[in-house]
PDB file of N, CA and C in Angstrom:
ATOM      1  N   UNK A   1     -12.404  -3.213  -8.783  1.00  0.00           N
ATOM      2  CA  UNK A   1     -11.640  -2.034  -8.427  1.00  0.00           C
ATOM      3  C   UNK A   1     -12.004  -1.555  -7.030  1.00  0.00           C
ATOM      4  N   UNK A   2     -13.233  -1.870  -6.587  1.00  0.00           N
ATOM      5  CA  UNK A   2     -13.677  -1.431  -5.275  1.00  0.00           C
ATOM      6  C   UNK A   2     -12.813  -2.037  -4.175  1.00  0.00           C
ATOM      7  N   UNK A   3     -12.469  -3.315  -4.303  1.00  0.00           N
ATOM      8  CA  UNK A   3     -11.683  -3.975  -3.268  1.00  0.00           C
ATOM      9  C   UNK A   3     -10.249  -3.474  -3.258  1.00  0.00           C
ATOM     10  N   UNK A   4      -9.720  -3.111  -4.415  1.00  0.00           N
ATOM     11  CA  UNK A   4      -8.371  -2.557  -4.458  1.00  0.00           C
ATOM     12  C   UNK A   4      -8.327  -1.224  -3.724  1.00  0.00           C
ATOM     13  N   UNK A   5      -9.362  -0.425  -3.862  1.00  0.00           N
ATOM     14  CA  UNK A   5      -9.428   0.855  -3.158  1.00  0.00           C
ATOM     15  C   UNK A   5      -9.547   0.633  -1.652  1.00  0.00           C
ATOM     16  N   UNK A   6     -10.351  -0.328  -1.241  1.00  0.00           N
ATOM     17  CA  UNK A   6     -10.477  -0.638   0.181  1.00  0.00           C
ATOM     18  C   UNK A   6      -9.152  -1.137   0.752  1.00  0.00           C
ATOM     19  N   UNK A   7      -8.443  -1.964  -0.012  1.00  0.00           N
ATOM     20  CA  UNK A   7      -7.137  -2.453   0.420  1.00  0.00           C
ATOM     21  C   UNK A   7      -6.173  -1.293   0.572  1.00  0.00           C
ATOM     22  N   UNK A   8      -6.175  -0.383  -0.389  1.00  0.00           N
ATOM     23  CA  UNK A   8      -5.269   0.758  -0.351  1.00  0.00           C
ATOM     24  C   UNK A   8      -5.582   1.672   0.836  1.00  0.00           C
ATOM     25  N   UNK A   9      -6.851   1.891   1.119  1.00  0.00           N
ATOM     26  CA  UNK A   9      -7.226   2.713   2.279  1.00  0.00           C
ATOM     27  C   UNK A   9      -6.762   2.047   3.573  1.00  0.00           C
ATOM     28  N   UNK A  10      -6.953   0.755   3.680  1.00  0.00           N
ATOM     29  CA  UNK A  10      -6.474   0.027   4.858  1.00  0.00           C
ATOM     30  C   UNK A  10      -4.966   0.079   4.983  1.00  0.00           C
ATOM     31  N   UNK A  11      -4.292   0.007   3.861  1.00  0.00           N
ATOM     32  CA  UNK A  11      -2.830   0.068   3.870  1.00  0.00           C
ATOM     33  C   UNK A  11      -2.352   1.448   4.308  1.00  0.00           C
ATOM     34  N   UNK A  12      -3.040   2.498   3.865  1.00  0.00           N
ATOM     35  CA  UNK A  12      -2.667   3.848   4.282  1.00  0.00           C
ATOM     36  C   UNK A  12      -2.916   4.064   5.773  1.00  0.00           C
ATOM     37  N   UNK A  13      -3.976   3.466   6.294  1.00  0.00           N
ATOM     38  CA  UNK A  13      -4.227   3.544   7.733  1.00  0.00           C
ATOM     39  C   UNK A  13      -3.125   2.813   8.493  1.00  0.00           C
ATOM     40  N   UNK A  14      -2.694   1.677   7.975  1.00  0.00           N
ATOM     41  CA  UNK A  14      -1.596   0.935   8.585  1.00  0.00           C
ATOM     42  C   UNK A  14      -0.312   1.756   8.590  1.00  0.00           C
ATOM     43  N   UNK A  15       0.001   2.415   7.476  1.00  0.00           N
ATOM     44  CA  UNK A  15       1.184   3.265   7.410  1.00  0.00           C
ATOM     45  C   UNK A  15       1.081   4.395   8.422  1.00  0.00           C
ATOM     46  N   UNK A  16      -0.096   5.009   8.527  1.00  0.00           N
ATOM     47  CA  UNK A  16      -0.292   6.077   9.501  1.00  0.00           C
ATOM     48  C   UNK A  16      -0.073   5.598  10.924  1.00  0.00           C
ATOM     49  N   UNK A  17      -0.558   4.421  11.236  1.00  0.00           N
ATOM     50  CA  UNK A  17      -0.357   3.859  12.562  1.00  0.00           C
ATOM     51  C   UNK A  17       1.103   3.559  12.853  1.00  0.00           C
ATOM     52  N   UNK A  18       1.783   3.012  11.862  1.00  0.00           N
ATOM     53  CA  UNK A  18       3.211   2.736  12.048  1.00  0.00           C
ATOM     54  C   UNK A  18       4.015   4.021  12.211  1.00  0.00           C
ATOM     55  N   UNK A  19       3.679   5.039  11.432  1.00  0.00           N
ATOM     56  CA  UNK A  19       4.378   6.321  11.574  1.00  0.00           C
ATOM     57  C   UNK A  19       4.116   6.955  12.935  1.00  0.00           C
ATOM     58  N   UNK A  20       2.889   6.840  13.419  1.00  0.00           N
ATOM     59  CA  UNK A  20       2.573   7.378  14.745  1.00  0.00           C
ATOM     60  C   UNK A  20       3.353   6.649  15.832  1.00  0.00           C
ATOM     61  N   UNK A  21       3.478   5.325  15.694  1.00  0.00           N
ATOM     62  CA  UNK A  21       4.238   4.552  16.679  1.00  0.00           C
ATOM     63  C   UNK A  21       5.719   4.915  16.633  1.00  0.00           C
ATOM     64  N   UNK A  22       6.273   5.059  15.425  1.00  0.00           N
ATOM     65  CA  UNK A  22       7.682   5.445  15.300  1.00  0.00           C
ATOM     66  C   UNK A  22       7.925   6.851  15.823  1.00  0.00           C
ATOM     67  N   UNK A  23       6.967   7.738  15.626  1.00  0.00           N
ATOM     68  CA  UNK A  23       7.088   9.107  16.130  1.00  0.00           C
ATOM     69  C   UNK A  23       7.054   9.114  17.654  1.00  0.00           C
ATOM     70  N   UNK A  24       6.145   8.324  18.223  1.00  0.00           N
ATOM     71  CA  UNK A  24       6.008   8.269  19.676  1.00  0.00           C
ATOM     72  C   UNK A  24       7.262   7.681  20.324  1.00  0.00           C
ATOM     73  N   UNK A  25       7.905   6.728  19.651  1.00  0.00           N
ATOM     74  CA  UNK A  25       9.127   6.129  20.176  1.00  0.00           C
ATOM     75  C   UNK A  25      10.359   7.007  19.955  1.00  0.00           C
ATOM     76  N   UNK A  26      10.235   8.039  19.135  1.00  0.00           N
ATOM     77  CA  UNK A  26      11.348   8.944  18.874  1.00  0.00           C
ATOM     78  C   UNK A  26      12.260   8.504  17.745  1.00  0.00           C
ATOM     79  N   UNK A  27      11.865   7.473  17.031  1.00  0.00           N
ATOM     80  CA  UNK A  27      12.693   6.964  15.940  1.00  0.00           C
ATOM     81  C   UNK A  27      12.669   7.908  14.744  1.00  0.00           C
ATOM     82  N   UNK A  28      11.510   8.523  14.474  1.00  0.00           N
ATOM     83  CA  UNK A  28      11.411   9.433  13.329  1.00  0.00           C
ATOM     84  C   UNK A  28      12.281  10.676  13.511  1.00  0.00           C
ATOM     85  N   UNK A  29      12.463  11.107  14.740  1.00  0.00           N
ATOM     86  CA  UNK A  29      13.310  12.278  14.984  1.00  0.00           C
ATOM     87  C   UNK A  29      14.758  11.988  14.627  1.00  0.00           C
ATOM     88  N   UNK A  30      15.207  10.763  14.874  1.00  0.00           N
ATOM     89  CA  UNK A  30      16.589  10.425  14.545  1.00  0.00           C
ATOM     90  C   UNK A  30      16.780  10.196  13.049  1.00  0.00           C
ATOM     91  N   UNK A  31      15.717   9.796  12.334  1.00  0.00           N
ATOM     92  CA  UNK A  31      15.825   9.576  10.892  1.00  0.00           C
ATOM     93  C   UNK A  31      15.872  10.886  10.110  1.00  0.00           C
ATOM     94  N   UNK A  32      15.087  11.833  10.498  1.00  0.00           N
ATOM     95  CA  UNK A  32      15.005  13.091   9.764  1.00  0.00           C
ATOM     96  C   UNK A  32      13.830  13.084   8.806  1.00  0.00           C
ATOM     97  N   UNK A  33      13.469  14.273   8.359  1.00  0.00           N
ATOM     98  CA  UNK A  33      12.281  14.432   7.514  1.00  0.00           C
ATOM     99  C   UNK A  33      12.456  13.807   6.140  1.00  0.00           C
ATOM    100  N   UNK A  34      13.625  13.953   5.544  1.00  0.00           N
ATOM    101  CA  UNK A  34      13.809  13.453   4.175  1.00  0.00           C
ATOM    102  C   UNK A  34      13.733  11.934   4.123  1.00  0.00           C
ATOM    103  N   UNK A  35      14.341  11.242   5.086  1.00  0.00           N
ATOM    104  CA  UNK A  35      14.272   9.786   5.081  1.00  0.00           C
ATOM    105  C   UNK A  35      12.874   9.289   5.426  1.00  0.00           C
ATOM    106  N   UNK A  36      12.164  10.037   6.243  1.00  0.00           N
ATOM    107  CA  UNK A  36      10.786   9.670   6.566  1.00  0.00           C
ATOM    108  C   UNK A  36       9.906   9.762   5.328  1.00  0.00           C
ATOM    109  N   UNK A  37      10.071  10.814   4.544  1.00  0.00           N
ATOM    110  CA  UNK A  37       9.292  10.976   3.311  1.00  0.00           C
ATOM    111  C   UNK A  37       9.640   9.883   2.307  1.00  0.00           C
ATOM    112  N   UNK A  38      10.923   9.557   2.190  1.00  0.00           N
ATOM    113  CA  UNK A  38      11.343   8.482   1.281  1.00  0.00           C
ATOM    114  C   UNK A  38      10.746   7.154   1.721  1.00  0.00           C
ATOM    115  N   UNK A  39      10.765   6.884   3.020  1.00  0.00           N
ATOM    116  CA  UNK A  39      10.199   5.642   3.545  1.00  0.00           C
ATOM    117  C   UNK A  39       8.703   5.545   3.271  1.00  0.00           C
ATOM    118  N   UNK A  40       7.985   6.636   3.485  1.00  0.00           N
ATOM    119  CA  UNK A  40       6.536   6.643   3.227  1.00  0.00           C
ATOM    120  C   UNK A  40       6.260   6.439   1.739  1.00  0.00           C
ATOM    121  N   UNK A  41       7.033   7.063   0.871  1.00  0.00           N
ATOM    122  CA  UNK A  41       6.835   6.911  -0.575  1.00  0.00           C
ATOM    123  C   UNK A  41       7.073   5.468  -1.025  1.00  0.00           C
ATOM    124  N   UNK A  42       8.112   4.844  -0.516  1.00  0.00           N
ATOM    125  CA  UNK A  42       8.410   3.462  -0.907  1.00  0.00           C
ATOM    126  C   UNK A  42       7.333   2.509  -0.405  1.00  0.00           C
ATOM    127  N   UNK A  43       6.929   2.655   0.843  1.00  0.00           N
ATOM    128  CA  UNK A  43       5.916   1.758   1.403  1.00  0.00           C
ATOM    129  C   UNK A  43       4.568   1.963   0.719  1.00  0.00           C
ATOM    130  N   UNK A  44       4.220   3.207   0.399  1.00  0.00           N
ATOM    131  CA  UNK A  44       2.972   3.467  -0.327  1.00  0.00           C
ATOM    132  C   UNK A  44       3.019   2.857  -1.717  1.00  0.00           C
ATOM    133  N   UNK A  45       4.151   2.954  -2.395  1.00  0.00           N
ATOM    134  CA  UNK A  45       4.300   2.339  -3.717  1.00  0.00           C
ATOM    135  C   UNK A  45       4.129   0.837  -3.674  1.00  0.00           C
ATOM    136  N   UNK A  46       4.700   0.202  -2.668  1.00  0.00           N
ATOM    137  CA  UNK A  46       4.539  -1.245  -2.517  1.00  0.00           C
ATOM    138  C   UNK A  46       3.072  -1.580  -2.254  1.00  0.00           C
ATOM    139  N   UNK A  47       2.409  -0.783  -1.432  1.00  0.00           N
ATOM    140  CA  UNK A  47       0.990  -1.018  -1.165  1.00  0.00           C
ATOM    141  C   UNK A  47       0.124  -0.885  -2.402  1.00  0.00           C
ATOM    142  N   UNK A  48       0.424   0.100  -3.240  1.00  0.00           N
ATOM    143  CA  UNK A  48      -0.330   0.277  -4.490  1.00  0.00           C
ATOM    144  C   UNK A  48      -0.095  -0.908  -5.410  1.00  0.00           C
ATOM    145  N   UNK A  49       1.146  -1.359  -5.525  1.00  0.00           N
ATOM    146  CA  UNK A  49       1.437  -2.499  -6.397  1.00  0.00           C
ATOM    147  C   UNK A  49       0.729  -3.762  -5.922  1.00  0.00           C
ATOM    148  N   UNK A  50       0.711  -3.999  -4.625  1.00  0.00           N
ATOM    149  CA  UNK A  50       0.038  -5.184  -4.092  1.00  0.00           C
ATOM    150  C   UNK A  50      -1.468  -5.076  -4.286  1.00  0.00           C
ATOM    151  N   UNK A  51      -2.029  -3.887  -4.068  1.00  0.00           N
ATOM    152  CA  UNK A  51      -3.471  -3.695  -4.240  1.00  0.00           C
ATOM    153  C   UNK A  51      -3.894  -3.924  -5.677  1.00  0.00           C
ATOM    154  N   UNK A  52      -3.114  -3.428  -6.612  1.00  0.00           N
ATOM    155  CA  UNK A  52      -3.461  -3.601  -8.020  1.00  0.00           C
ATOM    156  C   UNK A  52      -3.284  -5.052  -8.446  1.00  0.00           C
ATOM    157  N   UNK A  53      -2.257  -5.710  -7.947  1.00  0.00           N
ATOM    158  CA  UNK A  53      -2.033  -7.095  -8.357  1.00  0.00           C
ATOM    159  C   UNK A  53      -3.109  -8.036  -7.814  1.00  0.00           C
ATOM    160  N   UNK A  54      -3.734  -7.692  -6.698  1.00  0.00           N
ATOM    161  CA  UNK A  54      -4.774  -8.549  -6.129  1.00  0.00           C
ATOM    162  C   UNK A  54      -6.183  -8.127  -6.531  1.00  0.00           C
ATOM    163  N   UNK A  55      -6.324  -7.138  -7.372  1.00  0.00           N
ATOM    164  CA  UNK A  55      -7.658  -6.691  -7.756  1.00  0.00           C
ATOM    165  C   UNK A  55      -8.119  -7.426  -9.006  1.00  0.00           C
ATOM    166  N   UNK A  56      -9.388  -7.625  -9.092  1.00  0.00           N
ATOM    167  CA  UNK A  56      -9.985  -8.225 -10.280  1.00  0.00           C
ATOM    168  C   UNK A  56      -9.832  -9.734 -10.312  1.00  0.00           C
ATOM    169  N   UNK A  57     -10.658 -10.335 -11.121  1.00  0.00           N
ATOM    170  CA  UNK A  57     -10.610 -11.771 -11.319  1.00  0.00           C
ATOM    171  C   UNK A  57      -9.786 -12.091 -12.552  1.00  0.00           C
ATOM    172  N   UNK A  58      -8.972 -13.102 -12.435  1.00  0.00           N
ATOM    173  CA  UNK A  58      -8.173 -13.537 -13.564  1.00  0.00           C
ATOM    174  C   UNK A  58      -8.787 -14.833 -14.065  1.00  0.00           C
ATOM    175  N   UNK A  59      -9.577 -14.719 -15.123  1.00  0.00           N
ATOM    176  CA  UNK A  59     -10.278 -15.881 -15.650  1.00  0.00           C
ATOM    177  C   UNK A  59      -9.892 -16.106 -17.093  1.00  0.00           C
ATOM    178  N   UNK A  60     -10.003 -17.339 -17.509  1.00  0.00           N
ATOM    179  CA  UNK A  60      -9.793 -17.676 -18.913  1.00  0.00           C
ATOM    180  C   UNK A  60     -11.121 -17.569 -19.642  1.00  0.00           C
ATOM    181  N   UNK A  61     -11.070 -17.116 -20.856  1.00  0.00           N
ATOM    182  CA  UNK A  61     -12.273 -16.994 -21.675  1.00  0.00           C
ATOM    183  C   UNK A  61     -12.235 -18.089 -22.732  1.00  0.00           C
ATOM    184  N   UNK A  62     -13.272 -18.920 -22.736  1.00  0.00           N
ATOM    185  CA  UNK A  62     -13.380 -19.983 -23.735  1.00  0.00           C
ATOM    186  C   UNK A  62     -14.268 -19.496 -24.865  1.00  0.00           C
ATOM    187  N   UNK A  63     -13.783 -19.647 -26.083  1.00  0.00           N
ATOM    188  CA  UNK A  63     -14.556 -19.259 -27.266  1.00  0.00           C
ATOM    189  C   UNK A  63     -14.934 -20.539 -27.992  1.00  0.00           C
ATOM    190  N   UNK A  64     -16.238 -20.743 -28.140  1.00  0.00           N
ATOM    191  CA  UNK A  64     -16.736 -21.922 -28.850  1.00  0.00           C
ATOM    192  C   UNK A  64     -16.913 -21.563 -30.317  1.00  0.00           C
ATOM    193  N   UNK A  65     -16.155 -22.236 -31.161  1.00  0.00           N
ATOM    194  CA  UNK A  65     -16.263 -22.002 -32.611  1.00  0.00           C
ATOM    195  C   UNK A  65     -16.966 -23.189 -33.243  1.00  0.00           C
ATOM    196  N   UNK A  66     -17.769 -22.897 -34.264  1.00  0.00           N
ATOM    197  CA  UNK A  66     -18.500 -23.978 -34.950  1.00  0.00           C
ATOM    198  C   UNK A  66     -17.778 -24.408 -36.161  1.00  0.00           C
TER     199      UNK A  66
END
């Protein structure tokens, strides 16, 4: 779970950087606040899904029966 949290924090930093770049270029002003919030929510959701899907080890458990 620790690595999933680190991935999510890195993903949020990436989103923040992209939003700052879009704001500096003036693209966010043309989109409006509501579309910006929707975009952030969708991208954050995708980041959470990817972080959870890559967390943990997927191993098979062998049971030895006598």
